Amino acid sequence: MRHISVSDLKRMQDEGEDFVLLDVREPNEVAYASVGPALHIPMQLIPQRLNELDPAQSVVVFCHTGARSLEVCHFLGQYDFSDVMNLTGGIDAWSREIDPSVPTY
């Protein structure tokens, strides 16, 4: 597991890198502010929906500020996900540094 910045994520998107952007926030948070395209699986549902993720694929995990996504990254690491990245600062950093049109909360 490694940490990446929002500028790294933006570069990955711009360069068309192959990865899954995994949003582990609650549905009300996603309805309020989102970055996409992203696969939305709330943190508490990750164990039940693990089969929706491919351990061989790169996964960037994000939440509001990075704490929940860090927990999910550690969880995925226990299931042989080899390339898992935690988005430092989460969607809050994305809003402040990359796209101010995404509301902060």
C-alpha atoms as a PDB file:
ATOM      1  CA  MET A   1       0.000   0.000   0.000  1.00  0.00           C
ATOM      2  CA  ARG A   2       1.198   3.473  -0.805  1.00  0.00           C
ATOM      3  CA  HIS A   3      -0.090   7.006  -0.492  1.00  0.00           C
ATOM      4  CA  ILE A   4      -0.690   9.248  -3.477  1.00  0.00           C
ATOM      5  CA  SER A   5      -1.524  12.929  -3.719  1.00  0.00           C
ATOM      6  CA  VAL A   6      -4.480  14.413  -5.521  1.00  0.00           C
ATOM      7  CA  SER A   7      -2.084  15.778  -8.154  1.00  0.00           C
ATOM      8  CA  ASP A   8      -0.822  12.226  -8.741  1.00  0.00           C
ATOM      9  CA  LEU A   9      -4.413  11.024  -9.154  1.00  0.00           C
ATOM     10  CA  LYS A  10      -5.160  13.846 -11.596  1.00  0.00           C
ATOM     11  CA  ARG A  11      -2.068  12.909 -13.621  1.00  0.00           C
ATOM     12  CA  MET A  12      -3.126   9.241 -13.661  1.00  0.00           C
ATOM     13  CA  GLN A  13      -6.567  10.239 -14.928  1.00  0.00           C
ATOM     14  CA  ASP A  14      -5.172  12.622 -17.532  1.00  0.00           C
ATOM     15  CA  GLU A  15      -2.740   9.990 -18.811  1.00  0.00           C
ATOM     16  CA  GLY A  16      -5.485   7.355 -19.038  1.00  0.00           C
ATOM     17  CA  GLU A  17      -3.828   4.939 -16.638  1.00  0.00           C
ATOM     18  CA  ASP A  18      -5.755   1.750 -15.921  1.00  0.00           C
ATOM     19  CA  PHE A  19      -6.976   1.734 -12.320  1.00  0.00           C
ATOM     20  CA  VAL A  20     -10.137   1.580 -10.247  1.00  0.00           C
ATOM     21  CA  LEU A  21     -11.044   4.684  -8.280  1.00  0.00           C
ATOM     22  CA  LEU A  22     -12.815   3.321  -5.205  1.00  0.00           C
ATOM     23  CA  ASP A  23     -15.008   5.688  -3.201  1.00  0.00           C
ATOM     24  CA  VAL A  24     -15.643   4.279   0.289  1.00  0.00           C
ATOM     25  CA  ARG A  25     -17.765   7.168   1.601  1.00  0.00           C
ATOM     26  CA  GLU A  26     -21.396   6.978   2.634  1.00  0.00           C
ATOM     27  CA  PRO A  27     -24.153   7.472   0.011  1.00  0.00           C
ATOM     28  CA  ASN A  28     -25.105  10.919   1.351  1.00  0.00           C
ATOM     29  CA  GLU A  29     -21.482  12.062   0.971  1.00  0.00           C
ATOM     30  CA  VAL A  30     -21.341  10.803  -2.613  1.00  0.00           C
ATOM     31  CA  ALA A  31     -24.616  12.598  -3.394  1.00  0.00           C
ATOM     32  CA  TYR A  32     -23.160  15.850  -2.095  1.00  0.00           C
ATOM     33  CA  ALA A  33     -19.715  15.734  -3.730  1.00  0.00           C
ATOM     34  CA  SER A  34     -18.069  13.272  -6.059  1.00  0.00           C
ATOM     35  CA  VAL A  35     -15.039  12.609  -8.208  1.00  0.00           C
ATOM     36  CA  GLY A  36     -15.493  10.257 -11.051  1.00  0.00           C
ATOM     37  CA  PRO A  37     -15.827   7.970 -12.548  1.00  0.00           C
ATOM     38  CA  ALA A  38     -15.547   5.968  -9.363  1.00  0.00           C
ATOM     39  CA  LEU A  39     -16.808   2.674  -8.017  1.00  0.00           C
ATOM     40  CA  HIS A  40     -18.798   3.421  -4.876  1.00  0.00           C
ATOM     41  CA  ILE A  41     -18.683   0.804  -2.129  1.00  0.00           C
ATOM     42  CA  PRO A  42     -19.237   2.203   1.383  1.00  0.00           C
ATOM     43  CA  MET A  43     -16.487   1.179   3.775  1.00  0.00           C
ATOM     44  CA  GLN A  44     -18.683  -1.144   5.852  1.00  0.00           C
ATOM     45  CA  LEU A  45     -19.744  -3.059   2.718  1.00  0.00           C
ATOM     46  CA  ILE A  46     -16.243  -3.771   1.396  1.00  0.00           C
ATOM     47  CA  PRO A  47     -16.068  -7.289   2.938  1.00  0.00           C
ATOM     48  CA  GLN A  48     -19.419  -8.300   1.392  1.00  0.00           C
ATOM     49  CA  ARG A  49     -18.621  -6.770  -2.011  1.00  0.00           C
ATOM     50  CA  LEU A  50     -14.942  -7.710  -2.260  1.00  0.00           C
ATOM     51  CA  ASN A  51     -15.715  -9.839  -5.330  1.00  0.00           C
ATOM     52  CA  GLU A  52     -16.422  -6.618  -7.275  1.00  0.00           C
ATOM     53  CA  LEU A  53     -12.718  -5.774  -7.112  1.00  0.00           C
ATOM     54  CA  ASP A  54      -9.871  -7.450  -8.988  1.00  0.00           C
ATOM     55  CA  PRO A  55      -6.773  -8.032  -6.815  1.00  0.00           C
ATOM     56  CA  ALA A  56      -4.589  -7.790  -9.926  1.00  0.00           C
ATOM     57  CA  GLN A  57      -5.828  -4.294 -10.812  1.00  0.00           C
ATOM     58  CA  SER A  58      -4.508  -1.033  -9.385  1.00  0.00           C
ATOM     59  CA  VAL A  59      -6.940   0.513  -6.920  1.00  0.00           C
ATOM     60  CA  VAL A  60      -6.961   4.111  -5.671  1.00  0.00           C
ATOM     61  CA  VAL A  61      -9.118   4.339  -2.541  1.00  0.00           C
ATOM     62  CA  PHE A  62     -10.557   7.608  -1.266  1.00  0.00           C
ATOM     63  CA  CYS A  63     -12.943   8.986   1.321  1.00  0.00           C
ATOM     64  CA  HIS A  64     -13.486  12.446   2.806  1.00  0.00           C
ATOM     65  CA  THR A  65     -10.013  13.081   4.260  1.00  0.00           C
ATOM     66  CA  GLY A  66      -8.128   9.809   3.937  1.00  0.00           C
ATOM     67  CA  ALA A  67      -8.715   7.978   7.228  1.00  0.00           C
ATOM     68  CA  ARG A  68     -11.407   5.508   6.155  1.00  0.00           C
ATOM     69  CA  SER A  69      -9.671   4.883   2.852  1.00  0.00           C
ATOM     70  CA  LEU A  70      -6.465   4.057   4.735  1.00  0.00           C
ATOM     71  CA  GLU A  71      -8.337   1.394   6.709  1.00  0.00           C
ATOM     72  CA  VAL A  72      -9.773  -0.040   3.482  1.00  0.00           C
ATOM     73  CA  CYS A  73      -6.286  -0.106   1.924  1.00  0.00           C
ATOM     74  CA  HIS A  74      -4.989  -2.149   4.857  1.00  0.00           C
ATOM     75  CA  PHE A  75      -7.988  -4.481   4.571  1.00  0.00           C
ATOM     76  CA  LEU A  76      -7.432  -5.014   0.830  1.00  0.00           C
ATOM     77  CA  GLY A  77      -3.775  -5.748   1.504  1.00  0.00           C
ATOM     78  CA  GLN A  78      -4.858  -8.740   3.580  1.00  0.00           C
ATOM     79  CA  TYR A  79      -6.603 -10.139   0.485  1.00  0.00           C
ATOM     80  CA  ASP A  80      -3.630 -10.065  -1.886  1.00  0.00           C
ATOM     81  CA  PHE A  81      -4.400  -6.774  -3.578  1.00  0.00           C
ATOM     82  CA  SER A  82      -0.936  -5.911  -4.818  1.00  0.00           C
ATOM     83  CA  ASP A  83      -1.319  -2.295  -5.971  1.00  0.00           C
ATOM     84  CA  VAL A  84      -3.476  -0.330  -3.556  1.00  0.00           C
ATOM     85  CA  MET A  85      -3.110   3.422  -3.103  1.00  0.00           C
ATOM     86  CA  ASN A  86      -4.628   5.693  -0.467  1.00  0.00           C
ATOM     87  CA  LEU A  87      -5.560   9.178  -1.682  1.00  0.00           C
ATOM     88  CA  THR A  88      -3.963  11.526   0.834  1.00  0.00           C
ATOM     89  CA  GLY A  89      -6.447  14.170   1.961  1.00  0.00           C
ATOM     90  CA  GLY A  90      -9.352  12.487   0.150  1.00  0.00           C
ATOM     91  CA  ILE A  91     -12.034  14.386  -1.688  1.00  0.00           C
ATOM     92  CA  ASP A  92     -11.431  17.355   0.595  1.00  0.00           C
ATOM     93  CA  ALA A  93      -7.919  17.787  -0.867  1.00  0.00           C
ATOM     94  CA  TRP A  94      -9.293  17.189  -4.369  1.00  0.00           C
ATOM     95  CA  SER A  95     -11.784  20.047  -3.868  1.00  0.00           C
ATOM     96  CA  ARG A  96      -9.169  22.412  -2.492  1.00  0.00           C
ATOM     97  CA  GLU A  97      -6.263  21.593  -4.834  1.00  0.00           C
ATOM     98  CA  ILE A  98      -7.673  20.222  -8.105  1.00  0.00           C
ATOM     99  CA  ASP A  99     -11.341  21.040  -8.672  1.00  0.00           C
ATOM    100  CA  PRO A 100     -12.924  23.798  -6.572  1.00  0.00           C
ATOM    101  CA  SER A 101     -16.295  23.075  -8.218  1.00  0.00           C
ATOM    102  CA  VAL A 102     -16.486  19.928  -6.037  1.00  0.00           C
ATOM    103  CA  PRO A 103     -18.126  21.100  -2.779  1.00  0.00           C
ATOM    104  CA  THR A 104     -16.219  20.785   0.471  1.00  0.00           C
ATOM    105  CA  TYR A 105     -17.891  19.549   3.627  1.00  0.00           C
END
